[in-house]
Amino acid sequence: MKATDILNDEHQLIQRVLDALERGAARLRAGEKISAAFFLDAADFIRGFADGAHHRKEEGVLFEALLQHGFSRDGGPVAVMLAEHEQAREYTQDLSEAAERLRAGDASAADGVVDSALAYVRLLREHIMKEGHILFRMAEIAIPPTEHPDLDAGFERIEREEIGPAVHARYRALADRLSREVE
């Protein structure tokens, strides 16, 4: 199924940022000087790419197709994924708020930055594993091959109408920069 291949490819980019975020948080916890801008940029990646592009395709296309084939929004794997997307948004908001306080000179905000960053990393790594090893395989079984082109078309529509062509290049470059900053 091409749609799940696209999502798995996007997971790889998200994983790069998770690795960078984890390294940055560990260095900040160890007392090293990591700028608040690093964490604000990571939150920008999360909002703009992980949530704004990737989760939009999952929620708007793949999960909807699964619901049409007997999955429930209120229980089971789709409900779990949706709940984890919401939890990820909360951690991202917490990270942004703590990083803003850190940027404003509140050194005590460093603990909040670290805690929020690491909570997000843990959640997303588990989430990506569940999607890649369980949910996407379930989708490939539950959604008939005759409907796979509809998923591809849905992804293309979201890319064209809601995300835009420059988004992937922008966030790939941001992921590269974040990785370099903490190497």
C-alpha atoms as a PDB file:
ATOM      1  CA  MET A   1       0.000   0.000   0.000  1.00  0.00           C
ATOM      2  CA  LYS A   2       1.637   3.216  -1.180  1.00  0.00           C
ATOM      3  CA  ALA A   3      -0.048   5.361   1.495  1.00  0.00           C
ATOM      4  CA  THR A   4       1.557   3.465   4.356  1.00  0.00           C
ATOM      5  CA  ASP A   5       4.925   3.596   2.551  1.00  0.00           C
ATOM      6  CA  ILE A   6       4.630   7.381   2.468  1.00  0.00           C
ATOM      7  CA  LEU A   7       3.783   7.477   6.173  1.00  0.00           C
ATOM      8  CA  ASN A   8       6.696   5.168   7.021  1.00  0.00           C
ATOM      9  CA  ASP A   9       9.063   7.414   5.046  1.00  0.00           C
ATOM     10  CA  GLU A  10       7.797  10.406   6.996  1.00  0.00           C
ATOM     11  CA  HIS A  11       8.350   8.467  10.225  1.00  0.00           C
ATOM     12  CA  GLN A  12      12.054   8.289   9.354  1.00  0.00           C
ATOM     13  CA  LEU A  13      12.289  12.075   9.161  1.00  0.00           C
ATOM     14  CA  ILE A  14      10.352  12.437  12.411  1.00  0.00           C
ATOM     15  CA  GLN A  15      12.713   9.910  14.053  1.00  0.00           C
ATOM     16  CA  ARG A  16      15.703  12.088  13.102  1.00  0.00           C
ATOM     17  CA  VAL A  17      14.145  15.008  14.943  1.00  0.00           C
ATOM     18  CA  LEU A  18      13.281  12.784  17.909  1.00  0.00           C
ATOM     19  CA  ASP A  19      16.933  11.748  18.099  1.00  0.00           C
ATOM     20  CA  ALA A  20      18.084  15.373  17.962  1.00  0.00           C
ATOM     21  CA  LEU A  21      15.497  16.458  20.521  1.00  0.00           C
ATOM     22  CA  GLU A  22      16.541  13.676  22.882  1.00  0.00           C
ATOM     23  CA  ARG A  23      20.228  14.626  22.545  1.00  0.00           C
ATOM     24  CA  GLY A  24      19.447  18.298  23.075  1.00  0.00           C
ATOM     25  CA  ALA A  25      17.359  17.559  26.165  1.00  0.00           C
ATOM     26  CA  ALA A  26      20.086  15.307  27.609  1.00  0.00           C
ATOM     27  CA  ARG A  27      22.705  17.994  27.050  1.00  0.00           C
ATOM     28  CA  LEU A  28      20.502  20.657  28.630  1.00  0.00           C
ATOM     29  CA  ARG A  29      19.861  18.372  31.612  1.00  0.00           C
ATOM     30  CA  ALA A  30      23.634  17.876  31.951  1.00  0.00           C
ATOM     31  CA  GLY A  31      24.052  21.643  32.235  1.00  0.00           C
ATOM     32  CA  GLU A  32      25.336  22.309  28.741  1.00  0.00           C
ATOM     33  CA  LYS A  33      24.298  25.480  26.976  1.00  0.00           C
ATOM     34  CA  ILE A  34      21.586  24.568  24.460  1.00  0.00           C
ATOM     35  CA  SER A  35      19.633  27.524  23.163  1.00  0.00           C
ATOM     36  CA  ALA A  36      15.925  27.826  23.728  1.00  0.00           C
ATOM     37  CA  ALA A  37      15.690  28.428  19.966  1.00  0.00           C
ATOM     38  CA  PHE A  38      16.720  24.807  19.359  1.00  0.00           C
ATOM     39  CA  PHE A  39      13.673  23.575  21.296  1.00  0.00           C
ATOM     40  CA  LEU A  40      11.373  26.162  19.715  1.00  0.00           C
ATOM     41  CA  ASP A  41      12.555  25.028  16.285  1.00  0.00           C
ATOM     42  CA  ALA A  42      11.921  21.400  17.264  1.00  0.00           C
ATOM     43  CA  ALA A  43       8.386  22.402  18.332  1.00  0.00           C
ATOM     44  CA  ASP A  44       7.975  24.148  14.967  1.00  0.00           C
ATOM     45  CA  PHE A  45       8.960  20.913  13.200  1.00  0.00           C
ATOM     46  CA  ILE A  46       6.535  18.933  15.336  1.00  0.00           C
ATOM     47  CA  ARG A  47       3.640  21.308  14.691  1.00  0.00           C
ATOM     48  CA  GLY A  48       4.371  21.936  11.044  1.00  0.00           C
ATOM     49  CA  PHE A  49       5.474  18.523   9.864  1.00  0.00           C
ATOM     50  CA  ALA A  50       4.736  15.730  12.353  1.00  0.00           C
ATOM     51  CA  ASP A  51       1.297  17.085  13.198  1.00  0.00           C
ATOM     52  CA  GLY A  52       0.526  19.524  10.386  1.00  0.00           C
ATOM     53  CA  ALA A  53       1.461  17.237   7.499  1.00  0.00           C
ATOM     54  CA  HIS A  54       1.925  13.678   8.710  1.00  0.00           C
ATOM     55  CA  HIS A  55      -0.886  13.380  11.272  1.00  0.00           C
ATOM     56  CA  ARG A  56      -3.185  15.299   8.941  1.00  0.00           C
ATOM     57  CA  LYS A  57      -2.833  12.531   6.347  1.00  0.00           C
ATOM     58  CA  GLU A  58      -3.287   9.810   8.933  1.00  0.00           C
ATOM     59  CA  GLU A  59      -6.353  11.397  10.518  1.00  0.00           C
ATOM     60  CA  GLY A  60      -7.919  12.760   7.347  1.00  0.00           C
ATOM     61  CA  VAL A  61      -7.406   9.773   5.066  1.00  0.00           C
ATOM     62  CA  LEU A  62      -6.041   6.549   6.555  1.00  0.00           C
ATOM     63  CA  PHE A  63      -7.984   6.561   9.815  1.00  0.00           C
ATOM     64  CA  GLU A  64     -11.173   7.546   8.006  1.00  0.00           C
ATOM     65  CA  ALA A  65     -10.734   4.565   5.666  1.00  0.00           C
ATOM     66  CA  LEU A  66     -10.204   2.289   8.656  1.00  0.00           C
ATOM     67  CA  LEU A  67     -13.396   3.616  10.258  1.00  0.00           C
ATOM     68  CA  GLN A  68     -15.278   2.747   7.065  1.00  0.00           C
ATOM     69  CA  HIS A  69     -13.989  -0.820   7.398  1.00  0.00           C
ATOM     70  CA  GLY A  70     -15.159  -1.558  10.907  1.00  0.00           C
ATOM     71  CA  PHE A  71     -12.633   0.160  13.145  1.00  0.00           C
ATOM     72  CA  SER A  72     -13.981   2.356  15.941  1.00  0.00           C
ATOM     73  CA  ARG A  73     -13.153   5.954  16.760  1.00  0.00           C
ATOM     74  CA  ASP A  74     -14.103   5.245  20.397  1.00  0.00           C
ATOM     75  CA  GLY A  75     -12.016   2.134  21.065  1.00  0.00           C
ATOM     76  CA  GLY A  76      -9.296   0.034  19.519  1.00  0.00           C
ATOM     77  CA  PRO A  77      -6.244   1.034  17.516  1.00  0.00           C
ATOM     78  CA  VAL A  78      -7.613   4.138  15.783  1.00  0.00           C
ATOM     79  CA  ALA A  79      -8.876   5.540  19.088  1.00  0.00           C
ATOM     80  CA  VAL A  80      -5.470   4.907  20.657  1.00  0.00           C
ATOM     81  CA  MET A  81      -3.656   6.651  17.790  1.00  0.00           C
ATOM     82  CA  LEU A  82      -5.988   9.666  17.978  1.00  0.00           C
ATOM     83  CA  ALA A  83      -5.516   9.907  21.744  1.00  0.00           C
ATOM     84  CA  GLU A  84      -1.746   9.756  21.305  1.00  0.00           C
ATOM     85  CA  HIS A  85      -1.869  12.509  18.679  1.00  0.00           C
ATOM     86  CA  GLU A  86      -3.700  14.676  21.235  1.00  0.00           C
ATOM     87  CA  GLN A  87      -1.171  13.820  23.954  1.00  0.00           C
ATOM     88  CA  ALA A  88       1.636  14.721  21.548  1.00  0.00           C
ATOM     89  CA  ARG A  89       0.017  18.111  20.930  1.00  0.00           C
ATOM     90  CA  GLU A  90      -0.118  18.732  24.671  1.00  0.00           C
ATOM     91  CA  TYR A  91       3.556  17.825  25.129  1.00  0.00           C
ATOM     92  CA  THR A  92       4.452  20.105  22.212  1.00  0.00           C
ATOM     93  CA  GLN A  93       2.553  22.990  23.791  1.00  0.00           C
ATOM     94  CA  ASP A  94       4.297  22.360  27.118  1.00  0.00           C
ATOM     95  CA  LEU A  95       7.668  22.260  25.343  1.00  0.00           C
ATOM     96  CA  SER A  96       6.975  25.553  23.563  1.00  0.00           C
ATOM     97  CA  GLU A  97       5.843  27.300  26.723  1.00  0.00           C
ATOM     98  CA  ALA A  98       8.858  26.123  28.723  1.00  0.00           C
ATOM     99  CA  ALA A  99      11.260  27.031  25.899  1.00  0.00           C
ATOM    100  CA  GLU A 100       9.730  30.517  25.679  1.00  0.00           C
ATOM    101  CA  ARG A 101      10.293  30.967  29.430  1.00  0.00           C
ATOM    102  CA  LEU A 102      13.865  29.729  29.012  1.00  0.00           C
ATOM    103  CA  ARG A 103      14.431  32.175  26.156  1.00  0.00           C
ATOM    104  CA  ALA A 104      13.093  34.981  28.367  1.00  0.00           C
ATOM    105  CA  GLY A 105      15.812  34.194  30.922  1.00  0.00           C
ATOM    106  CA  ASP A 106      14.020  31.874  33.335  1.00  0.00           C
ATOM    107  CA  ALA A 107      16.727  29.265  33.972  1.00  0.00           C
ATOM    108  CA  SER A 108      14.288  27.191  36.039  1.00  0.00           C
ATOM    109  CA  ALA A 109      12.313  26.515  32.849  1.00  0.00           C
ATOM    110  CA  ALA A 110      15.086  24.166  31.677  1.00  0.00           C
ATOM    111  CA  ASP A 111      13.573  21.293  33.682  1.00  0.00           C
ATOM    112  CA  GLY A 112      10.213  21.827  31.963  1.00  0.00           C
ATOM    113  CA  VAL A 113      11.904  21.885  28.564  1.00  0.00           C
ATOM    114  CA  VAL A 114      13.720  18.631  29.286  1.00  0.00           C
ATOM    115  CA  ASP A 115      10.686  16.895  30.773  1.00  0.00           C
ATOM    116  CA  SER A 116       8.370  17.910  27.915  1.00  0.00           C
ATOM    117  CA  ALA A 117      10.923  17.059  25.237  1.00  0.00           C
ATOM    118  CA  LEU A 118      11.637  13.621  26.654  1.00  0.00           C
ATOM    119  CA  ALA A 119       7.949  12.868  27.243  1.00  0.00           C
ATOM    120  CA  TYR A 120       7.255  13.746  23.605  1.00  0.00           C
ATOM    121  CA  VAL A 121      10.165  11.607  22.384  1.00  0.00           C
ATOM    122  CA  ARG A 122       9.027   8.573  24.409  1.00  0.00           C
ATOM    123  CA  LEU A 123       5.424   8.914  23.266  1.00  0.00           C
ATOM    124  CA  LEU A 124       6.273   9.358  19.590  1.00  0.00           C
ATOM    125  CA  ARG A 125       8.782   6.521  19.448  1.00  0.00           C
ATOM    126  CA  GLU A 126       6.207   4.118  20.872  1.00  0.00           C
ATOM    127  CA  HIS A 127       3.514   5.610  18.644  1.00  0.00           C
ATOM    128  CA  ILE A 128       5.600   5.201  15.488  1.00  0.00           C
ATOM    129  CA  MET A 129       6.424   1.621  16.441  1.00  0.00           C
ATOM    130  CA  LYS A 130       2.727   0.801  16.921  1.00  0.00           C
ATOM    131  CA  GLU A 131       1.774   2.380  13.626  1.00  0.00           C
ATOM    132  CA  GLY A 132       4.594   0.850  11.607  1.00  0.00           C
ATOM    133  CA  HIS A 133       4.406  -2.643  13.042  1.00  0.00           C
ATOM    134  CA  ILE A 134       0.718  -3.001  13.849  1.00  0.00           C
ATOM    135  CA  LEU A 135      -1.710  -0.379  12.529  1.00  0.00           C
ATOM    136  CA  PHE A 136      -0.319  -0.045   9.017  1.00  0.00           C
ATOM    137  CA  ARG A 137      -0.315  -3.826   8.618  1.00  0.00           C
ATOM    138  CA  MET A 138      -3.905  -3.934   9.828  1.00  0.00           C
ATOM    139  CA  ALA A 139      -4.766  -1.231   7.279  1.00  0.00           C
ATOM    140  CA  GLU A 140      -3.202  -3.213   4.467  1.00  0.00           C
ATOM    141  CA  ILE A 141      -5.445  -6.158   5.382  1.00  0.00           C
ATOM    142  CA  ALA A 142      -8.643  -4.245   6.207  1.00  0.00           C
ATOM    143  CA  ILE A 143      -8.680  -1.822   3.276  1.00  0.00           C
ATOM    144  CA  PRO A 144      -9.285  -3.636  -0.019  1.00  0.00           C
ATOM    145  CA  PRO A 145      -6.613  -3.129  -2.701  1.00  0.00           C
ATOM    146  CA  THR A 146      -9.257  -1.571  -4.956  1.00  0.00           C
ATOM    147  CA  GLU A 147      -9.440   1.347  -2.466  1.00  0.00           C
ATOM    148  CA  HIS A 148      -5.685   1.950  -2.212  1.00  0.00           C
ATOM    149  CA  PRO A 149      -5.753   4.457  -5.103  1.00  0.00           C
ATOM    150  CA  ASP A 150      -8.349   6.442  -3.131  1.00  0.00           C
ATOM    151  CA  LEU A 151      -5.918   6.693  -0.199  1.00  0.00           C
ATOM    152  CA  ASP A 152      -3.155   7.841  -2.532  1.00  0.00           C
ATOM    153  CA  ALA A 153      -5.480  10.440  -4.052  1.00  0.00           C
ATOM    154  CA  GLY A 154      -6.472  11.626  -0.569  1.00  0.00           C
ATOM    155  CA  PHE A 155      -2.828  12.074   0.403  1.00  0.00           C
ATOM    156  CA  GLU A 156      -2.130  13.924  -2.853  1.00  0.00           C
ATOM    157  CA  ARG A 157      -5.116  16.222  -2.254  1.00  0.00           C
ATOM    158  CA  ILE A 158      -3.932  17.054   1.267  1.00  0.00           C
ATOM    159  CA  GLU A 159      -0.393  17.666   0.011  1.00  0.00           C
ATOM    160  CA  ARG A 160      -1.657  19.933  -2.775  1.00  0.00           C
ATOM    161  CA  GLU A 161      -4.492  21.817  -1.052  1.00  0.00           C
ATOM    162  CA  GLU A 162      -3.595  21.884   2.631  1.00  0.00           C
ATOM    163  CA  ILE A 163       0.150  21.428   3.017  1.00  0.00           C
ATOM    164  CA  GLY A 164       1.786  22.867  -0.086  1.00  0.00           C
ATOM    165  CA  PRO A 165       4.860  21.849  -2.064  1.00  0.00           C
ATOM    166  CA  ALA A 166       7.508  23.687  -0.021  1.00  0.00           C
ATOM    167  CA  VAL A 167       6.646  22.120   3.330  1.00  0.00           C
ATOM    168  CA  HIS A 168       8.667  18.911   2.949  1.00  0.00           C
ATOM    169  CA  ALA A 169      11.794  20.744   1.804  1.00  0.00           C
ATOM    170  CA  ARG A 170      11.503  23.276   4.631  1.00  0.00           C
ATOM    171  CA  TYR A 171      11.115  20.665   7.329  1.00  0.00           C
ATOM    172  CA  ARG A 172      13.773  18.360   5.879  1.00  0.00           C
ATOM    173  CA  ALA A 173      16.207  21.281   6.089  1.00  0.00           C
ATOM    174  CA  LEU A 174      15.082  22.041   9.643  1.00  0.00           C
ATOM    175  CA  ALA A 175      15.580  18.377  10.638  1.00  0.00           C
ATOM    176  CA  ASP A 176      19.097  18.508   9.165  1.00  0.00           C
ATOM    177  CA  ARG A 177      19.899  21.678  11.103  1.00  0.00           C
ATOM    178  CA  LEU A 178      18.537  20.336  14.385  1.00  0.00           C
ATOM    179  CA  SER A 179      20.586  17.147  13.964  1.00  0.00           C
ATOM    180  CA  ARG A 180      23.769  19.119  13.261  1.00  0.00           C
ATOM    181  CA  GLU A 181      23.216  21.390  16.266  1.00  0.00           C
ATOM    182  CA  VAL A 182      23.438  18.531  18.739  1.00  0.00           C
ATOM    183  CA  GLU A 183      26.055  16.310  17.076  1.00  0.00           C
END
